[in-house]
Amino acid sequence: MTEDESQAAAEDLAKRLRLLMDVAVAESGTEPTYSQIADFLHERGTNLSRSRWTYMVNGHRYVQDPAVFEGLAAFFDVDAAFLLGEDGAATPEKVSAQLDLVRSMRAAKVKSYAARTLGDISPKALHAITKFLDGEMTHMPEH
């Protein structure tokens, strides 16, 4: 793996980890702490140092440790293939659902802002704006 490939893999892993952290927040209302994650992995016989976790979640260095990936996949209740970004790995349904929810919430905020900002606007124009925004939100990339 070249240095550029390694950096790209580190950044991809970081995106997936942050996405899973966001899903965990949406599900439980709080972000998992390093201590919770490290304790979970420790119970499975895997060590995760704070510095390694920081490298991983911030995309500073690509970590290649199957035991850590398996443990993190179990912690976040996803397939390790998704976490690793393997070709053909499906995005877990709960992650897709959370992405859809976030998109809907963002679209609702934009619609509300447009309606307030534009003030006295005809219902036909507001409908056209809403239709356009809905179309744009469905075409947003997932990652």
N, C-alpha and C. Protein backbone atom coordinates (compact mmCIF):
# COMPACT_ATOMS: atom_id res chain seq x y z
N MET A 1 0.85 -1.17 0.00
CA MET A 1 0.00 0.00 0.00
C MET A 1 0.89 1.24 0.00
N THR A 2 0.69 2.13 -0.97
CA THR A 2 1.49 3.35 -1.04
C THR A 2 1.08 4.30 0.09
N GLU A 3 1.89 5.31 0.28
CA GLU A 3 1.58 6.29 1.33
C GLU A 3 0.25 6.99 1.04
N ASP A 4 0.00 7.35 -0.24
CA ASP A 4 -1.27 7.99 -0.61
C ASP A 4 -2.45 7.05 -0.38
N GLU A 5 -2.29 5.77 -0.73
CA GLU A 5 -3.36 4.79 -0.52
C GLU A 5 -3.63 4.60 0.97
N SER A 6 -2.55 4.58 1.74
CA SER A 6 -2.69 4.43 3.18
C SER A 6 -3.43 5.62 3.78
N GLN A 7 -3.10 6.82 3.33
CA GLN A 7 -3.77 8.02 3.83
C GLN A 7 -5.24 8.03 3.43
N ALA A 8 -5.53 7.63 2.20
CA ALA A 8 -6.92 7.57 1.73
C ALA A 8 -7.70 6.54 2.54
N ALA A 9 -7.09 5.39 2.84
CA ALA A 9 -7.75 4.36 3.65
C ALA A 9 -7.99 4.86 5.07
N ALA A 10 -7.03 5.59 5.62
CA ALA A 10 -7.19 6.15 6.97
C ALA A 10 -8.35 7.15 7.00
N GLU A 11 -8.44 7.99 5.99
CA GLU A 11 -9.52 8.98 5.94
C GLU A 11 -10.87 8.31 5.74
N ASP A 12 -10.92 7.26 4.93
CA ASP A 12 -12.17 6.52 4.71
C ASP A 12 -12.62 5.85 6.00
N LEU A 13 -11.69 5.23 6.71
CA LEU A 13 -12.02 4.59 7.98
C LEU A 13 -12.53 5.63 8.97
N ALA A 14 -11.87 6.78 9.02
CA ALA A 14 -12.29 7.84 9.94
C ALA A 14 -13.73 8.29 9.62
N LYS A 15 -14.06 8.43 8.35
CA LYS A 15 -15.42 8.82 7.97
C LYS A 15 -16.43 7.79 8.45
N ARG A 16 -16.11 6.54 8.26
CA ARG A 16 -17.02 5.47 8.67
C ARG A 16 -17.17 5.44 10.20
N LEU A 17 -16.08 5.62 10.91
CA LEU A 17 -16.15 5.65 12.37
C LEU A 17 -16.97 6.83 12.87
N ARG A 18 -16.75 8.00 12.28
CA ARG A 18 -17.53 9.17 12.69
C ARG A 18 -19.01 8.99 12.37
N LEU A 19 -19.30 8.36 11.23
CA LEU A 19 -20.68 8.08 10.87
C LEU A 19 -21.30 7.14 11.91
N LEU A 20 -20.57 6.10 12.29
CA LEU A 20 -21.08 5.19 13.30
C LEU A 20 -21.25 5.87 14.65
N MET A 21 -20.36 6.79 14.97
CA MET A 21 -20.51 7.57 16.21
C MET A 21 -21.79 8.40 16.15
N ASP A 22 -22.05 9.01 14.99
CA ASP A 22 -23.27 9.80 14.82
C ASP A 22 -24.52 8.93 14.97
N VAL A 23 -24.47 7.74 14.41
CA VAL A 23 -25.60 6.81 14.53
C VAL A 23 -25.80 6.44 15.99
N ALA A 24 -24.71 6.18 16.70
CA ALA A 24 -24.81 5.85 18.12
C ALA A 24 -25.44 6.99 18.91
N VAL A 25 -25.07 8.23 18.58
CA VAL A 25 -25.66 9.40 19.24
C VAL A 25 -27.16 9.45 18.95
N ALA A 26 -27.53 9.23 17.71
CA ALA A 26 -28.94 9.26 17.33
C ALA A 26 -29.73 8.18 18.06
N GLU A 27 -29.12 7.03 18.26
CA GLU A 27 -29.81 5.91 18.91
C GLU A 27 -29.89 6.07 20.42
N SER A 28 -28.83 6.57 21.03
CA SER A 28 -28.80 6.60 22.50
C SER A 28 -28.86 8.00 23.09
N GLY A 29 -28.62 9.01 22.28
CA GLY A 29 -28.63 10.37 22.79
C GLY A 29 -27.28 10.85 23.28
N THR A 30 -26.30 9.95 23.38
CA THR A 30 -24.96 10.35 23.80
C THR A 30 -23.92 9.68 22.92
N GLU A 31 -22.79 10.36 22.79
CA GLU A 31 -21.70 9.80 21.99
C GLU A 31 -20.92 8.80 22.82
N PRO A 32 -20.61 7.65 22.25
CA PRO A 32 -19.78 6.69 22.99
C PRO A 32 -18.42 7.32 23.31
N THR A 33 -17.93 7.05 24.50
CA THR A 33 -16.64 7.58 24.90
C THR A 33 -15.53 6.60 24.53
N TYR A 34 -14.32 7.11 24.48
CA TYR A 34 -13.18 6.23 24.25
C TYR A 34 -13.16 5.12 25.30
N SER A 35 -13.41 5.47 26.55
CA SER A 35 -13.37 4.48 27.63
C SER A 35 -14.38 3.36 27.42
N GLN A 36 -15.59 3.70 26.99
CA GLN A 36 -16.60 2.68 26.73
C GLN A 36 -16.15 1.74 25.61
N ILE A 37 -15.62 2.32 24.55
CA ILE A 37 -15.17 1.52 23.41
C ILE A 37 -13.98 0.65 23.81
N ALA A 38 -13.01 1.25 24.49
CA ALA A 38 -11.81 0.50 24.91
C ALA A 38 -12.17 -0.63 25.88
N ASP A 39 -13.10 -0.35 26.81
CA ASP A 39 -13.52 -1.39 27.76
C ASP A 39 -14.22 -2.54 27.03
N PHE A 40 -15.06 -2.21 26.05
CA PHE A 40 -15.74 -3.24 25.27
C PHE A 40 -14.73 -4.12 24.56
N LEU A 41 -13.75 -3.49 23.93
CA LEU A 41 -12.72 -4.26 23.22
C LEU A 41 -11.87 -5.07 24.20
N HIS A 42 -11.55 -4.48 25.36
CA HIS A 42 -10.74 -5.17 26.36
C HIS A 42 -11.45 -6.45 26.83
N GLU A 43 -12.78 -6.38 27.00
CA GLU A 43 -13.55 -7.56 27.39
C GLU A 43 -13.46 -8.66 26.33
N ARG A 44 -13.19 -8.27 25.09
CA ARG A 44 -13.06 -9.23 23.99
C ARG A 44 -11.60 -9.64 23.78
N GLY A 45 -10.72 -9.18 24.67
CA GLY A 45 -9.31 -9.56 24.58
C GLY A 45 -8.48 -8.71 23.64
N THR A 46 -8.99 -7.51 23.31
CA THR A 46 -8.28 -6.63 22.37
C THR A 46 -7.96 -5.31 23.06
N ASN A 47 -6.74 -4.86 22.87
CA ASN A 47 -6.32 -3.59 23.46
C ASN A 47 -6.45 -2.47 22.43
N LEU A 48 -7.02 -1.35 22.85
CA LEU A 48 -7.12 -0.16 22.01
C LEU A 48 -6.62 1.02 22.81
N SER A 49 -5.43 1.49 22.47
CA SER A 49 -4.87 2.63 23.19
C SER A 49 -5.58 3.92 22.76
N ARG A 50 -5.53 4.89 23.62
CA ARG A 50 -6.16 6.18 23.31
C ARG A 50 -5.53 6.80 22.06
N SER A 51 -4.22 6.68 21.92
CA SER A 51 -3.56 7.27 20.75
C SER A 51 -3.99 6.55 19.46
N ARG A 52 -4.11 5.22 19.51
CA ARG A 52 -4.55 4.48 18.32
C ARG A 52 -5.98 4.89 17.95
N TRP A 53 -6.84 5.00 18.95
CA TRP A 53 -8.22 5.42 18.68
C TRP A 53 -8.23 6.82 18.06
N THR A 54 -7.42 7.71 18.58
CA THR A 54 -7.34 9.07 18.04
C THR A 54 -6.88 9.05 16.60
N TYR A 55 -5.84 8.26 16.29
CA TYR A 55 -5.38 8.13 14.90
C TYR A 55 -6.51 7.66 14.00
N MET A 56 -7.23 6.66 14.46
CA MET A 56 -8.28 6.06 13.64
C MET A 56 -9.44 7.01 13.40
N VAL A 57 -9.94 7.60 14.46
CA VAL A 57 -11.14 8.41 14.33
C VAL A 57 -10.87 9.76 13.64
N ASN A 58 -9.62 10.18 13.64
CA ASN A 58 -9.27 11.44 12.99
C ASN A 58 -8.62 11.24 11.63
N GLY A 59 -8.38 10.00 11.24
CA GLY A 59 -7.81 9.72 9.93
C GLY A 59 -6.35 10.07 9.79
N HIS A 60 -5.62 10.08 10.90
CA HIS A 60 -4.21 10.46 10.85
C HIS A 60 -3.30 9.33 10.40
N ARG A 61 -3.71 8.11 10.66
CA ARG A 61 -2.86 6.97 10.32
C ARG A 61 -3.77 5.76 10.12
N TYR A 62 -3.46 4.97 9.10
CA TYR A 62 -4.27 3.78 8.85
C TYR A 62 -3.81 2.66 9.78
N VAL A 63 -4.74 2.14 10.51
CA VAL A 63 -4.47 1.06 11.44
C VAL A 63 -4.96 -0.24 10.82
N GLN A 64 -4.09 -1.24 10.78
CA GLN A 64 -4.46 -2.54 10.22
C GLN A 64 -4.37 -3.59 11.31
N ASP A 65 -5.48 -3.75 12.02
CA ASP A 65 -5.52 -4.71 13.11
C ASP A 65 -6.88 -5.39 13.09
N PRO A 66 -6.94 -6.60 12.53
CA PRO A 66 -8.23 -7.30 12.40
C PRO A 66 -9.01 -7.41 13.71
N ALA A 67 -8.30 -7.65 14.83
CA ALA A 67 -9.00 -7.79 16.12
C ALA A 67 -9.67 -6.48 16.52
N VAL A 68 -9.02 -5.35 16.26
CA VAL A 68 -9.62 -4.05 16.57
C VAL A 68 -10.83 -3.81 15.67
N PHE A 69 -10.70 -4.12 14.38
CA PHE A 69 -11.83 -3.93 13.46
C PHE A 69 -13.02 -4.80 13.85
N GLU A 70 -12.75 -6.06 14.19
CA GLU A 70 -13.83 -6.97 14.61
C GLU A 70 -14.50 -6.45 15.87
N GLY A 71 -13.69 -5.99 16.82
CA GLY A 71 -14.23 -5.45 18.07
C GLY A 71 -15.06 -4.20 17.85
N LEU A 72 -14.56 -3.30 17.02
CA LEU A 72 -15.32 -2.06 16.74
C LEU A 72 -16.61 -2.38 15.99
N ALA A 73 -16.54 -3.33 15.06
CA ALA A 73 -17.75 -3.73 14.33
C ALA A 73 -18.79 -4.29 15.32
N ALA A 74 -18.34 -5.09 16.27
CA ALA A 74 -19.26 -5.64 17.27
C ALA A 74 -19.81 -4.52 18.16
N PHE A 75 -18.96 -3.59 18.56
CA PHE A 75 -19.41 -2.49 19.41
C PHE A 75 -20.51 -1.68 18.72
N PHE A 76 -20.30 -1.37 17.44
CA PHE A 76 -21.27 -0.55 16.70
C PHE A 76 -22.35 -1.40 16.03
N ASP A 77 -22.27 -2.72 16.19
CA ASP A 77 -23.26 -3.65 15.65
C ASP A 77 -23.39 -3.53 14.13
N VAL A 78 -22.23 -3.57 13.47
CA VAL A 78 -22.19 -3.55 12.00
C VAL A 78 -21.24 -4.65 11.53
N ASP A 79 -21.28 -4.93 10.26
CA ASP A 79 -20.39 -5.91 9.67
C ASP A 79 -18.99 -5.29 9.54
N ALA A 80 -17.98 -6.05 9.87
CA ALA A 80 -16.60 -5.55 9.77
C ALA A 80 -16.27 -5.14 8.33
N ALA A 81 -16.88 -5.79 7.35
CA ALA A 81 -16.63 -5.43 5.95
C ALA A 81 -17.05 -3.98 5.68
N PHE A 82 -18.15 -3.55 6.28
CA PHE A 82 -18.58 -2.15 6.13
C PHE A 82 -17.55 -1.22 6.76
N LEU A 83 -17.14 -1.56 7.96
CA LEU A 83 -16.18 -0.72 8.67
C LEU A 83 -14.88 -0.59 7.89
N LEU A 84 -14.46 -1.67 7.25
CA LEU A 84 -13.22 -1.67 6.47
C LEU A 84 -13.39 -1.04 5.09
N GLY A 85 -14.64 -0.81 4.69
CA GLY A 85 -14.88 -0.21 3.37
C GLY A 85 -14.60 -1.16 2.24
N GLU A 86 -14.79 -2.47 2.49
CA GLU A 86 -14.53 -3.46 1.45
C GLU A 86 -15.49 -3.28 0.29
N ASP A 87 -15.00 -3.54 -0.91
CA ASP A 87 -15.83 -3.46 -2.11
C ASP A 87 -17.04 -4.38 -1.95
N GLY A 88 -18.20 -3.84 -2.25
CA GLY A 88 -19.42 -4.63 -2.19
C GLY A 88 -20.03 -4.72 -0.81
N ALA A 89 -19.38 -4.15 0.21
CA ALA A 89 -19.94 -4.20 1.56
C ALA A 89 -21.15 -3.27 1.63
N ALA A 90 -22.25 -3.82 2.06
CA ALA A 90 -23.48 -3.03 2.13
C ALA A 90 -23.46 -2.07 3.32
N THR A 91 -24.06 -0.91 3.11
CA THR A 91 -24.23 0.03 4.22
C THR A 91 -25.32 -0.54 5.12
N PRO A 92 -25.04 -0.68 6.42
CA PRO A 92 -26.04 -1.24 7.32
C PRO A 92 -27.34 -0.43 7.28
N GLU A 93 -28.46 -1.15 7.42
CA GLU A 93 -29.77 -0.51 7.34
C GLU A 93 -29.91 0.62 8.35
N LYS A 94 -29.41 0.43 9.58
CA LYS A 94 -29.57 1.47 10.59
C LYS A 94 -28.75 2.71 10.22
N VAL A 95 -27.63 2.53 9.53
CA VAL A 95 -26.82 3.67 9.10
C VAL A 95 -27.55 4.41 7.98
N SER A 96 -28.10 3.65 7.02
CA SER A 96 -28.86 4.27 5.93
C SER A 96 -30.05 5.03 6.47
N ALA A 97 -30.74 4.43 7.43
CA ALA A 97 -31.92 5.09 8.01
C ALA A 97 -31.53 6.39 8.69
N GLN A 98 -30.42 6.39 9.41
CA GLN A 98 -29.98 7.62 10.08
C GLN A 98 -29.57 8.68 9.06
N LEU A 99 -28.92 8.25 7.97
CA LEU A 99 -28.55 9.20 6.92
C LEU A 99 -29.81 9.83 6.31
N ASP A 100 -30.81 9.00 6.06
CA ASP A 100 -32.07 9.50 5.52
C ASP A 100 -32.71 10.49 6.48
N LEU A 101 -32.68 10.18 7.77
CA LEU A 101 -33.25 11.09 8.77
C LEU A 101 -32.50 12.42 8.78
N VAL A 102 -31.20 12.36 8.76
CA VAL A 102 -30.40 13.60 8.76
C VAL A 102 -30.71 14.42 7.51
N ARG A 103 -30.80 13.77 6.36
CA ARG A 103 -31.14 14.49 5.13
C ARG A 103 -32.51 15.15 5.24
N SER A 104 -33.47 14.43 5.77
CA SER A 104 -34.82 14.98 5.92
C SER A 104 -34.82 16.17 6.86
N MET A 105 -34.07 16.06 7.96
CA MET A 105 -34.00 17.17 8.92
C MET A 105 -33.34 18.39 8.28
N ARG A 106 -32.28 18.16 7.52
CA ARG A 106 -31.62 19.28 6.84
C ARG A 106 -32.55 19.92 5.83
N ALA A 107 -33.27 19.10 5.08
CA ALA A 107 -34.21 19.63 4.08
C ALA A 107 -35.30 20.45 4.77
N ALA A 108 -35.80 19.95 5.90
CA ALA A 108 -36.84 20.67 6.63
C ALA A 108 -36.32 22.02 7.12
N LYS A 109 -35.08 22.05 7.58
CA LYS A 109 -34.49 23.32 8.04
C LYS A 109 -34.38 24.30 6.88
N VAL A 110 -33.92 23.81 5.73
CA VAL A 110 -33.77 24.68 4.56
C VAL A 110 -35.14 25.19 4.11
N LYS A 111 -36.13 24.31 4.08
CA LYS A 111 -37.48 24.73 3.67
C LYS A 111 -38.03 25.78 4.63
N SER A 112 -37.86 25.55 5.90
CA SER A 112 -38.35 26.50 6.91
C SER A 112 -37.64 27.85 6.76
N TYR A 113 -36.33 27.81 6.57
CA TYR A 113 -35.56 29.03 6.40
C TYR A 113 -36.01 29.77 5.14
N ALA A 114 -36.18 29.05 4.06
CA ALA A 114 -36.62 29.68 2.80
C ALA A 114 -37.98 30.33 2.97
N ALA A 115 -38.89 29.64 3.64
CA ALA A 115 -40.24 30.18 3.83
C ALA A 115 -40.20 31.45 4.68
N ARG A 116 -39.39 31.45 5.74
CA ARG A 116 -39.28 32.64 6.61
C ARG A 116 -38.58 33.79 5.88
N THR A 117 -37.52 33.47 5.17
CA THR A 117 -36.72 34.50 4.52
C THR A 117 -37.44 35.13 3.35
N LEU A 118 -38.14 34.32 2.59
CA LEU A 118 -38.82 34.84 1.41
C LEU A 118 -40.11 35.57 1.77
N GLY A 119 -40.57 35.36 2.99
CA GLY A 119 -41.74 36.10 3.47
C GLY A 119 -43.00 35.80 2.68
N ASP A 120 -43.57 36.84 2.13
CA ASP A 120 -44.84 36.74 1.43
C ASP A 120 -44.62 36.14 0.05
N ILE A 121 -44.69 34.83 -0.01
CA ILE A 121 -44.45 34.13 -1.26
C ILE A 121 -45.70 33.31 -1.58
N SER A 122 -45.97 33.19 -2.83
CA SER A 122 -47.18 32.46 -3.24
C SER A 122 -47.04 30.98 -2.89
N PRO A 123 -48.16 30.31 -2.60
CA PRO A 123 -48.10 28.87 -2.32
C PRO A 123 -47.51 28.09 -3.49
N LYS A 124 -47.76 28.54 -4.71
CA LYS A 124 -47.23 27.86 -5.89
C LYS A 124 -45.69 27.93 -5.91
N ALA A 125 -45.15 29.10 -5.62
CA ALA A 125 -43.70 29.28 -5.59
C ALA A 125 -43.08 28.46 -4.45
N LEU A 126 -43.72 28.46 -3.29
CA LEU A 126 -43.23 27.70 -2.15
C LEU A 126 -43.24 26.20 -2.47
N HIS A 127 -44.28 25.75 -3.14
CA HIS A 127 -44.37 24.35 -3.55
C HIS A 127 -43.22 24.01 -4.51
N ALA A 128 -42.94 24.91 -5.45
CA ALA A 128 -41.87 24.67 -6.43
C ALA A 128 -40.51 24.59 -5.72
N ILE A 129 -40.30 25.46 -4.74
CA ILE A 129 -39.04 25.44 -3.97
C ILE A 129 -38.94 24.13 -3.20
N THR A 130 -40.02 23.73 -2.56
CA THR A 130 -40.04 22.49 -1.78
C THR A 130 -39.74 21.29 -2.67
N LYS A 131 -40.36 21.25 -3.84
CA LYS A 131 -40.15 20.14 -4.77
C LYS A 131 -38.69 20.08 -5.21
N PHE A 132 -38.11 21.25 -5.50
CA PHE A 132 -36.70 21.30 -5.90
C PHE A 132 -35.80 20.79 -4.77
N LEU A 133 -36.03 21.27 -3.54
CA LEU A 133 -35.20 20.86 -2.41
C LEU A 133 -35.33 19.36 -2.14
N ASP A 134 -36.55 18.84 -2.23
CA ASP A 134 -36.74 17.41 -2.04
C ASP A 134 -35.94 16.61 -3.07
N GLY A 135 -35.96 17.07 -4.31
CA GLY A 135 -35.20 16.40 -5.37
C GLY A 135 -33.72 16.46 -5.12
N GLU A 136 -33.23 17.59 -4.66
CA GLU A 136 -31.80 17.73 -4.37
C GLU A 136 -31.37 16.83 -3.22
N MET A 137 -32.19 16.73 -2.19
CA MET A 137 -31.83 15.93 -1.02
C MET A 137 -31.78 14.44 -1.35
N THR A 138 -32.57 13.99 -2.31
CA THR A 138 -32.53 12.57 -2.67
C THR A 138 -31.32 12.23 -3.53
N HIS A 139 -30.65 13.25 -4.08
CA HIS A 139 -29.48 13.00 -4.91
C HIS A 139 -28.17 13.21 -4.18
N MET A 140 -28.22 13.49 -2.86
CA MET A 140 -27.00 13.69 -2.09
C MET A 140 -26.27 12.37 -1.93
N PRO A 141 -24.93 12.41 -2.01
CA PRO A 141 -24.17 11.16 -1.80
C PRO A 141 -24.32 10.69 -0.37
N GLU A 142 -24.20 9.38 -0.16
CA GLU A 142 -24.37 8.81 1.17
C GLU A 142 -23.15 8.99 2.07
N HIS A 143 -21.98 9.16 1.51
CA HIS A 143 -20.78 9.23 2.36
C HIS A 143 -20.08 10.52 2.16
